[in-house]
Amino acid sequence: FLHVDECIAVAEAMDIIGDTQYNVSRNLKM
């Protein structure tokens, strides 16, 4: 988020990080 000047959807973050929806959503929520 600091280096890519874009909003990122949860689905995109899942593919980027390579993790489950539960984990990515929880991490973004934190």
PDB file of all heavy atoms in Angstrom:
ATOM      1  N   PHE A   1       0.824  -1.209   0.000  1.00  0.00           N
ATOM      2  CA  PHE A   1       0.000   0.000   0.000  1.00  0.00           C
ATOM      3  C   PHE A   1       0.860   1.262   0.000  1.00  0.00           C
ATOM      4  O   PHE A   1       0.481   2.273  -0.576  1.00  0.00           O
ATOM      5  CB  PHE A   1      -0.962   0.019   1.198  1.00  0.00           C
ATOM      6  CG  PHE A   1      -2.152  -0.868   1.015  1.00  0.00           C
ATOM      7  CD1 PHE A   1      -2.208  -2.103   1.624  1.00  0.00           C
ATOM      8  CD2 PHE A   1      -3.208  -0.478   0.209  1.00  0.00           C
ATOM      9  CE1 PHE A   1      -3.301  -2.933   1.451  1.00  0.00           C
ATOM     10  CE2 PHE A   1      -4.304  -1.297   0.020  1.00  0.00           C
ATOM     11  CZ  PHE A   1      -4.351  -2.532   0.646  1.00  0.00           C
ATOM     12  N   LEU A   2       2.018   1.186   0.614  1.00  0.00           N
ATOM     13  CA  LEU A   2       2.921   2.332   0.638  1.00  0.00           C
ATOM     14  C   LEU A   2       3.609   2.566  -0.704  1.00  0.00           C
ATOM     15  O   LEU A   2       4.006   3.679  -1.007  1.00  0.00           O
ATOM     16  CB  LEU A   2       3.993   2.144   1.720  1.00  0.00           C
ATOM     17  CG  LEU A   2       3.496   2.224   3.150  1.00  0.00           C
ATOM     18  CD1 LEU A   2       4.584   1.774   4.112  1.00  0.00           C
ATOM     19  CD2 LEU A   2       3.033   3.631   3.487  1.00  0.00           C
ATOM     20  N   HIS A   3       3.768   1.524  -1.504  1.00  0.00           N
ATOM     21  CA  HIS A   3       4.543   1.619  -2.739  1.00  0.00           C
ATOM     22  C   HIS A   3       3.736   1.484  -4.018  1.00  0.00           C
ATOM     23  O   HIS A   3       4.252   1.802  -5.090  1.00  0.00           O
ATOM     24  CB  HIS A   3       5.677   0.590  -2.715  1.00  0.00           C
ATOM     25  CG  HIS A   3       6.688   0.893  -1.664  1.00  0.00           C
ATOM     26  ND1 HIS A   3       7.727   1.771  -1.864  1.00  0.00           N
ATOM     27  CD2 HIS A   3       6.790   0.482  -0.382  1.00  0.00           C
ATOM     28  CE1 HIS A   3       8.432   1.875  -0.755  1.00  0.00           C
ATOM     29  NE2 HIS A   3       7.879   1.105   0.160  1.00  0.00           N
ATOM     30  N   VAL A   4       2.526   1.003  -3.929  1.00  0.00           N
ATOM     31  CA  VAL A   4       1.656   0.872  -5.097  1.00  0.00           C
ATOM     32  C   VAL A   4       0.477   1.814  -4.851  1.00  0.00           C
ATOM     33  O   VAL A   4      -0.325   1.569  -3.968  1.00  0.00           O
ATOM     34  CB  VAL A   4       1.162  -0.585  -5.271  1.00  0.00           C
ATOM     35  CG1 VAL A   4       0.208  -0.697  -6.439  1.00  0.00           C
ATOM     36  CG2 VAL A   4       2.342  -1.520  -5.454  1.00  0.00           C
ATOM     37  N   ASP A   5       0.415   2.854  -5.603  1.00  0.00           N
ATOM     38  CA  ASP A   5      -0.597   3.893  -5.380  1.00  0.00           C
ATOM     39  C   ASP A   5      -1.940   3.457  -5.960  1.00  0.00           C
ATOM     40  O   ASP A   5      -2.423   4.033  -6.930  1.00  0.00           O
ATOM     41  CB  ASP A   5      -0.128   5.213  -6.005  1.00  0.00           C
ATOM     42  CG  ASP A   5      -1.000   6.375  -5.596  1.00  0.00           C
ATOM     43  OD1 ASP A   5      -1.646   6.291  -4.540  1.00  0.00           O
ATOM     44  OD2 ASP A   5      -1.054   7.366  -6.346  1.00  0.00           O
ATOM     45  N   GLU A   6      -2.517   2.423  -5.373  1.00  0.00           N
ATOM     46  CA  GLU A   6      -3.776   1.860  -5.839  1.00  0.00           C
ATOM     47  C   GLU A   6      -4.583   1.373  -4.644  1.00  0.00           C
ATOM     48  O   GLU A   6      -4.030   0.968  -3.627  1.00  0.00           O
ATOM     49  CB  GLU A   6      -3.533   0.641  -6.750  1.00  0.00           C
ATOM     50  CG  GLU A   6      -2.855   0.930  -8.048  1.00  0.00           C
ATOM     51  CD  GLU A   6      -3.787   1.502  -9.106  1.00  0.00           C
ATOM     52  OE1 GLU A   6      -5.025   1.409  -8.946  1.00  0.00           O
ATOM     53  OE2 GLU A   6      -3.261   2.045 -10.087  1.00  0.00           O
ATOM     54  N   CYS A   7      -5.910   1.357  -4.821  1.00  0.00           N
ATOM     55  CA  CYS A   7      -6.730   0.626  -3.873  1.00  0.00           C
ATOM     56  C   CYS A   7      -6.609  -0.844  -4.269  1.00  0.00           C
ATOM     57  O   CYS A   7      -6.347  -1.164  -5.430  1.00  0.00           O
ATOM     58  CB  CYS A   7      -8.176   1.105  -3.914  1.00  0.00           C
ATOM     59  SG  CYS A   7      -8.989   0.911  -5.507  1.00  0.00           S
ATOM     60  N   ILE A   8      -6.740  -1.720  -3.316  1.00  0.00           N
ATOM     61  CA  ILE A   8      -6.589  -3.144  -3.576  1.00  0.00           C
ATOM     62  C   ILE A   8      -7.789  -3.872  -2.982  1.00  0.00           C
ATOM     63  O   ILE A   8      -8.114  -3.692  -1.808  1.00  0.00           O
ATOM     64  CB  ILE A   8      -5.270  -3.692  -2.990  1.00  0.00           C
ATOM     65  CG1 ILE A   8      -4.068  -2.994  -3.643  1.00  0.00           C
ATOM     66  CG2 ILE A   8      -5.177  -5.208  -3.166  1.00  0.00           C
ATOM     67  CD1 ILE A   8      -2.724  -3.384  -3.060  1.00  0.00           C
ATOM     68  N   ALA A   9      -8.439  -4.696  -3.830  1.00  0.00           N
ATOM     69  CA  ALA A   9      -9.577  -5.490  -3.380  1.00  0.00           C
ATOM     70  C   ALA A   9      -9.083  -6.717  -2.625  1.00  0.00           C
ATOM     71  O   ALA A   9      -7.958  -7.183  -2.838  1.00  0.00           O
ATOM     72  CB  ALA A   9     -10.415  -5.929  -4.577  1.00  0.00           C
ATOM     73  N   VAL A  10      -9.930  -7.248  -1.763  1.00  0.00           N
ATOM     74  CA  VAL A  10      -9.579  -8.439  -1.001  1.00  0.00           C
ATOM     75  C   VAL A  10      -9.191  -9.578  -1.953  1.00  0.00           C
ATOM     76  O   VAL A  10      -8.194 -10.260  -1.738  1.00  0.00           O
ATOM     77  CB  VAL A  10     -10.730  -8.866  -0.066  1.00  0.00           C
ATOM     78  CG1 VAL A  10     -10.428 -10.196   0.606  1.00  0.00           C
ATOM     79  CG2 VAL A  10     -10.986  -7.788   0.982  1.00  0.00           C
ATOM     80  N   ALA A  11      -9.961  -9.766  -3.030  1.00  0.00           N
ATOM     81  CA  ALA A  11      -9.669 -10.836  -3.994  1.00  0.00           C
ATOM     82  C   ALA A  11      -8.288 -10.655  -4.616  1.00  0.00           C
ATOM     83  O   ALA A  11      -7.551 -11.629  -4.804  1.00  0.00           O
ATOM     84  CB  ALA A  11     -10.738 -10.870  -5.093  1.00  0.00           C
ATOM     85  N   GLU A  12      -7.931  -9.418  -4.909  1.00  0.00           N
ATOM     86  CA  GLU A  12      -6.604  -9.142  -5.466  1.00  0.00           C
ATOM     87  C   GLU A  12      -5.522  -9.444  -4.438  1.00  0.00           C
ATOM     88  O   GLU A  12      -4.499 -10.055  -4.758  1.00  0.00           O
ATOM     89  CB  GLU A  12      -6.520  -7.689  -5.930  1.00  0.00           C
ATOM     90  CG  GLU A  12      -7.415  -7.398  -7.115  1.00  0.00           C
ATOM     91  CD  GLU A  12      -7.548  -5.919  -7.420  1.00  0.00           C
ATOM     92  OE1 GLU A  12      -7.552  -5.083  -6.494  1.00  0.00           O
ATOM     93  OE2 GLU A  12      -7.666  -5.604  -8.618  1.00  0.00           O
ATOM     94  N   ALA A  13      -5.746  -9.024  -3.203  1.00  0.00           N
ATOM     95  CA  ALA A  13      -4.772  -9.262  -2.135  1.00  0.00           C
ATOM     96  C   ALA A  13      -4.569 -10.761  -1.905  1.00  0.00           C
ATOM     97  O   ALA A  13      -3.453 -11.204  -1.642  1.00  0.00           O
ATOM     98  CB  ALA A  13      -5.211  -8.574  -0.851  1.00  0.00           C
ATOM     99  N   MET A  14      -5.644 -11.545  -2.050  1.00  0.00           N
ATOM    100  CA  MET A  14      -5.530 -12.995  -1.891  1.00  0.00           C
ATOM    101  C   MET A  14      -4.560 -13.572  -2.915  1.00  0.00           C
ATOM    102  O   MET A  14      -3.695 -14.379  -2.577  1.00  0.00           O
ATOM    103  CB  MET A  14      -6.903 -13.656  -2.057  1.00  0.00           C
ATOM    104  CG  MET A  14      -7.850 -13.388  -0.914  1.00  0.00           C
ATOM    105  SD  MET A  14      -9.536 -13.929  -1.285  1.00  0.00           S
ATOM    106  CE  MET A  14      -9.295 -15.667  -1.596  1.00  0.00           C
ATOM    107  N   ASP A  15      -4.704 -13.151  -4.164  1.00  0.00           N
ATOM    108  CA  ASP A  15      -3.812 -13.650  -5.212  1.00  0.00           C
ATOM    109  C   ASP A  15      -2.390 -13.130  -5.043  1.00  0.00           C
ATOM    110  O   ASP A  15      -1.430 -13.853  -5.278  1.00  0.00           O
ATOM    111  CB  ASP A  15      -4.344 -13.256  -6.595  1.00  0.00           C
ATOM    112  CG  ASP A  15      -5.559 -14.078  -7.015  1.00  0.00           C
ATOM    113  OD1 ASP A  15      -5.790 -15.155  -6.431  1.00  0.00           O
ATOM    114  OD2 ASP A  15      -6.266 -13.637  -7.933  1.00  0.00           O
ATOM    115  N   ILE A  16      -2.265 -11.896  -4.625  1.00  0.00           N
ATOM    116  CA  ILE A  16      -0.939 -11.290  -4.457  1.00  0.00           C
ATOM    117  C   ILE A  16      -0.161 -12.005  -3.354  1.00  0.00           C
ATOM    118  O   ILE A  16       0.997 -12.380  -3.532  1.00  0.00           O
ATOM    119  CB  ILE A  16      -1.066  -9.780  -4.143  1.00  0.00           C
ATOM    120  CG1 ILE A  16      -1.621  -9.038  -5.368  1.00  0.00           C
ATOM    121  CG2 ILE A  16       0.272  -9.206  -3.705  1.00  0.00           C
ATOM    122  CD1 ILE A  16      -2.128  -7.638  -5.054  1.00  0.00           C
ATOM    123  N   ILE A  17      -0.799 -12.209  -2.224  1.00  0.00           N
ATOM    124  CA  ILE A  17      -0.145 -12.827  -1.068  1.00  0.00           C
ATOM    125  C   ILE A  17      -0.146 -14.348  -1.180  1.00  0.00           C
ATOM    126  O   ILE A  17       0.726 -15.020  -0.656  1.00  0.00           O
ATOM    127  CB  ILE A  17      -0.824 -12.373   0.250  1.00  0.00           C
ATOM    128  CG1 ILE A  17      -0.675 -10.868   0.428  1.00  0.00           C
ATOM    129  CG2 ILE A  17      -0.283 -13.106   1.465  1.00  0.00           C
ATOM    130  CD1 ILE A  17       0.754 -10.379   0.547  1.00  0.00           C
ATOM    131  N   GLY A  18      -1.153 -14.893  -1.892  1.00  0.00           N
ATOM    132  CA  GLY A  18      -1.245 -16.343  -2.024  1.00  0.00           C
ATOM    133  C   GLY A  18      -1.791 -17.005  -0.777  1.00  0.00           C
ATOM    134  O   GLY A  18      -1.315 -18.061  -0.365  1.00  0.00           O
ATOM    135  N   ASP A  19      -2.789 -16.369  -0.175  1.00  0.00           N
ATOM    136  CA  ASP A  19      -3.360 -16.888   1.063  1.00  0.00           C
ATOM    137  C   ASP A  19      -4.878 -16.967   0.926  1.00  0.00           C
ATOM    138  O   ASP A  19      -5.462 -16.469  -0.028  1.00  0.00           O
ATOM    139  CB  ASP A  19      -2.965 -15.988   2.239  1.00  0.00           C
ATOM    140  CG  ASP A  19      -2.925 -16.719   3.579  1.00  0.00           C
ATOM    141  OD1 ASP A  19      -3.401 -17.874   3.660  1.00  0.00           O
ATOM    142  OD2 ASP A  19      -2.426 -16.131   4.556  1.00  0.00           O
ATOM    143  N   THR A  20      -5.524 -17.563   1.909  1.00  0.00           N
ATOM    144  CA  THR A  20      -6.969 -17.775   1.888  1.00  0.00           C
ATOM    145  C   THR A  20      -7.734 -16.471   2.111  1.00  0.00           C
ATOM    146  O   THR A  20      -7.184 -15.499   2.655  1.00  0.00           O
ATOM    147  CB  THR A  20      -7.398 -18.768   2.978  1.00  0.00           C
ATOM    148  OG1 THR A  20      -7.116 -18.172   4.258  1.00  0.00           O
ATOM    149  CG2 THR A  20      -6.675 -20.093   2.829  1.00  0.00           C
ATOM    150  N   GLN A  21      -8.992 -16.487   1.745  1.00  0.00           N
ATOM    151  CA  GLN A  21      -9.863 -15.322   1.943  1.00  0.00           C
ATOM    152  C   GLN A  21      -9.959 -14.980   3.429  1.00  0.00           C
ATOM    153  O   GLN A  21      -9.878 -13.820   3.811  1.00  0.00           O
ATOM    154  CB  GLN A  21     -11.255 -15.603   1.348  1.00  0.00           C
ATOM    155  CG  GLN A  21     -12.171 -14.395   1.306  1.00  0.00           C
ATOM    156  CD  GLN A  21     -13.000 -14.219   2.557  1.00  0.00           C
ATOM    157  OE1 GLN A  21     -13.347 -15.177   3.242  1.00  0.00           O
ATOM    158  NE2 GLN A  21     -13.311 -12.984   2.865  1.00  0.00           N
ATOM    159  N   TYR A  22     -10.087 -15.991   4.257  1.00  0.00           N
ATOM    160  CA  TYR A  22     -10.186 -15.765   5.698  1.00  0.00           C
ATOM    161  C   TYR A  22      -8.949 -15.039   6.224  1.00  0.00           C
ATOM    162  O   TYR A  22      -9.062 -14.031   6.926  1.00  0.00           O
ATOM    163  CB  TYR A  22     -10.374 -17.105   6.436  1.00  0.00           C
ATOM    164  CG  TYR A  22     -10.351 -16.951   7.932  1.00  0.00           C
ATOM    165  CD1 TYR A  22     -11.487 -16.546   8.615  1.00  0.00           C
ATOM    166  CD2 TYR A  22      -9.183 -17.181   8.655  1.00  0.00           C
ATOM    167  CE1 TYR A  22     -11.467 -16.381  10.000  1.00  0.00           C
ATOM    168  CE2 TYR A  22      -9.153 -17.027  10.036  1.00  0.00           C
ATOM    169  CZ  TYR A  22     -10.294 -16.623  10.699  1.00  0.00           C
ATOM    170  OH  TYR A  22     -10.275 -16.439  12.065  1.00  0.00           O
ATOM    171  N   ASN A  23      -7.768 -15.544   5.896  1.00  0.00           N
ATOM    172  CA  ASN A  23      -6.527 -14.945   6.402  1.00  0.00           C
ATOM    173  C   ASN A  23      -6.299 -13.545   5.857  1.00  0.00           C
ATOM    174  O   ASN A  23      -5.923 -12.632   6.604  1.00  0.00           O
ATOM    175  CB  ASN A  23      -5.328 -15.830   6.083  1.00  0.00           C
ATOM    176  CG  ASN A  23      -5.280 -17.078   6.925  1.00  0.00           C
ATOM    177  OD1 ASN A  23      -5.876 -17.141   7.998  1.00  0.00           O
ATOM    178  ND2 ASN A  23      -4.582 -18.089   6.441  1.00  0.00           N
ATOM    179  N   VAL A  24      -6.512 -13.357   4.554  1.00  0.00           N
ATOM    180  CA  VAL A  24      -6.290 -12.035   3.952  1.00  0.00           C
ATOM    181  C   VAL A  24      -7.288 -11.028   4.512  1.00  0.00           C
ATOM    182  O   VAL A  24      -6.916  -9.912   4.887  1.00  0.00           O
ATOM    183  CB  VAL A  24      -6.349 -12.109   2.412  1.00  0.00           C
ATOM    184  CG1 VAL A  24      -6.351 -10.720   1.797  1.00  0.00           C
ATOM    185  CG2 VAL A  24      -5.169 -12.916   1.889  1.00  0.00           C
ATOM    186  N   SER A  25      -8.558 -11.409   4.600  1.00  0.00           N
ATOM    187  CA  SER A  25      -9.564 -10.495   5.162  1.00  0.00           C
ATOM    188  C   SER A  25      -9.228 -10.131   6.595  1.00  0.00           C
ATOM    189  O   SER A  25      -9.333  -8.970   6.999  1.00  0.00           O
ATOM    190  CB  SER A  25     -10.958 -11.124   5.098  1.00  0.00           C
ATOM    191  OG  SER A  25     -11.391 -11.199   3.773  1.00  0.00           O
ATOM    192  N   ARG A  26      -8.822 -11.122   7.373  1.00  0.00           N
ATOM    193  CA  ARG A  26      -8.456 -10.870   8.772  1.00  0.00           C
ATOM    194  C   ARG A  26      -7.249  -9.938   8.861  1.00  0.00           C
ATOM    195  O   ARG A  26      -7.226  -9.006   9.667  1.00  0.00           O
ATOM    196  CB  ARG A  26      -8.155 -12.204   9.469  1.00  0.00           C
ATOM    197  CG  ARG A  26      -8.007 -12.049  10.976  1.00  0.00           C
ATOM    198  CD  ARG A  26      -7.567 -13.326  11.627  1.00  0.00           C
ATOM    199  NE  ARG A  26      -6.159 -13.479  11.283  1.00  0.00           N
ATOM    200  CZ  ARG A  26      -5.549 -14.622  11.095  1.00  0.00           C
ATOM    201  NH1 ARG A  26      -6.186 -15.744  11.221  1.00  0.00           N
ATOM    202  NH2 ARG A  26      -4.274 -14.670  10.792  1.00  0.00           N
ATOM    203  N   ASN A  27      -6.245 -10.167   7.998  1.00  0.00           N
ATOM    204  CA  ASN A  27      -5.051  -9.314   8.020  1.00  0.00           C
ATOM    205  C   ASN A  27      -5.375  -7.887   7.607  1.00  0.00           C
ATOM    206  O   ASN A  27      -4.909  -6.933   8.247  1.00  0.00           O
ATOM    207  CB  ASN A  27      -3.967  -9.906   7.120  1.00  0.00           C
ATOM    208  CG  ASN A  27      -3.309 -11.113   7.741  1.00  0.00           C
ATOM    209  OD1 ASN A  27      -3.296 -11.273   8.957  1.00  0.00           O
ATOM    210  ND2 ASN A  27      -2.764 -11.979   6.907  1.00  0.00           N
ATOM    211  N   LEU A  28      -6.162  -7.719   6.565  1.00  0.00           N
ATOM    212  CA  LEU A  28      -6.549  -6.366   6.141  1.00  0.00           C
ATOM    213  C   LEU A  28      -7.395  -5.682   7.206  1.00  0.00           C
ATOM    214  O   LEU A  28      -7.233  -4.484   7.465  1.00  0.00           O
ATOM    215  CB  LEU A  28      -7.289  -6.419   4.805  1.00  0.00           C
ATOM    216  CG  LEU A  28      -6.428  -6.773   3.590  1.00  0.00           C
ATOM    217  CD1 LEU A  28      -7.300  -7.097   2.382  1.00  0.00           C
ATOM    218  CD2 LEU A  28      -5.454  -5.651   3.273  1.00  0.00           C
ATOM    219  N   LYS A  29      -8.274  -6.434   7.830  1.00  0.00           N
ATOM    220  CA  LYS A  29      -9.117  -5.874   8.894  1.00  0.00           C
ATOM    221  C   LYS A  29      -8.269  -5.420  10.081  1.00  0.00           C
ATOM    222  O   LYS A  29      -8.534  -4.371  10.678  1.00  0.00           O
ATOM    223  CB  LYS A  29     -10.148  -6.906   9.339  1.00  0.00           C
ATOM    224  CG  LYS A  29     -11.202  -6.362  10.249  1.00  0.00           C
ATOM    225  CD  LYS A  29     -12.260  -7.430  10.517  1.00  0.00           C
ATOM    226  CE  LYS A  29     -13.421  -6.844  11.284  1.00  0.00           C
ATOM    227  NZ  LYS A  29     -14.479  -7.836  11.482  1.00  0.00           N
ATOM    228  N   MET A  30      -7.227  -6.179  10.413  1.00  0.00           N
ATOM    229  CA  MET A  30      -6.337  -5.771  11.505  1.00  0.00           C
ATOM    230  C   MET A  30      -5.602  -4.477  11.172  1.00  0.00           C
ATOM    231  O   MET A  30      -5.451  -3.601  12.025  1.00  0.00           O
ATOM    232  CB  MET A  30      -5.346  -6.882  11.840  1.00  0.00           C
ATOM    233  CG  MET A  30      -5.971  -8.021  12.610  1.00  0.00           C
ATOM    234  SD  MET A  30      -4.748  -9.221  13.146  1.00  0.00           S
ATOM    235  CE  MET A  30      -4.007  -8.351  14.530  1.00  0.00           C
TER     236      MET A  30
END
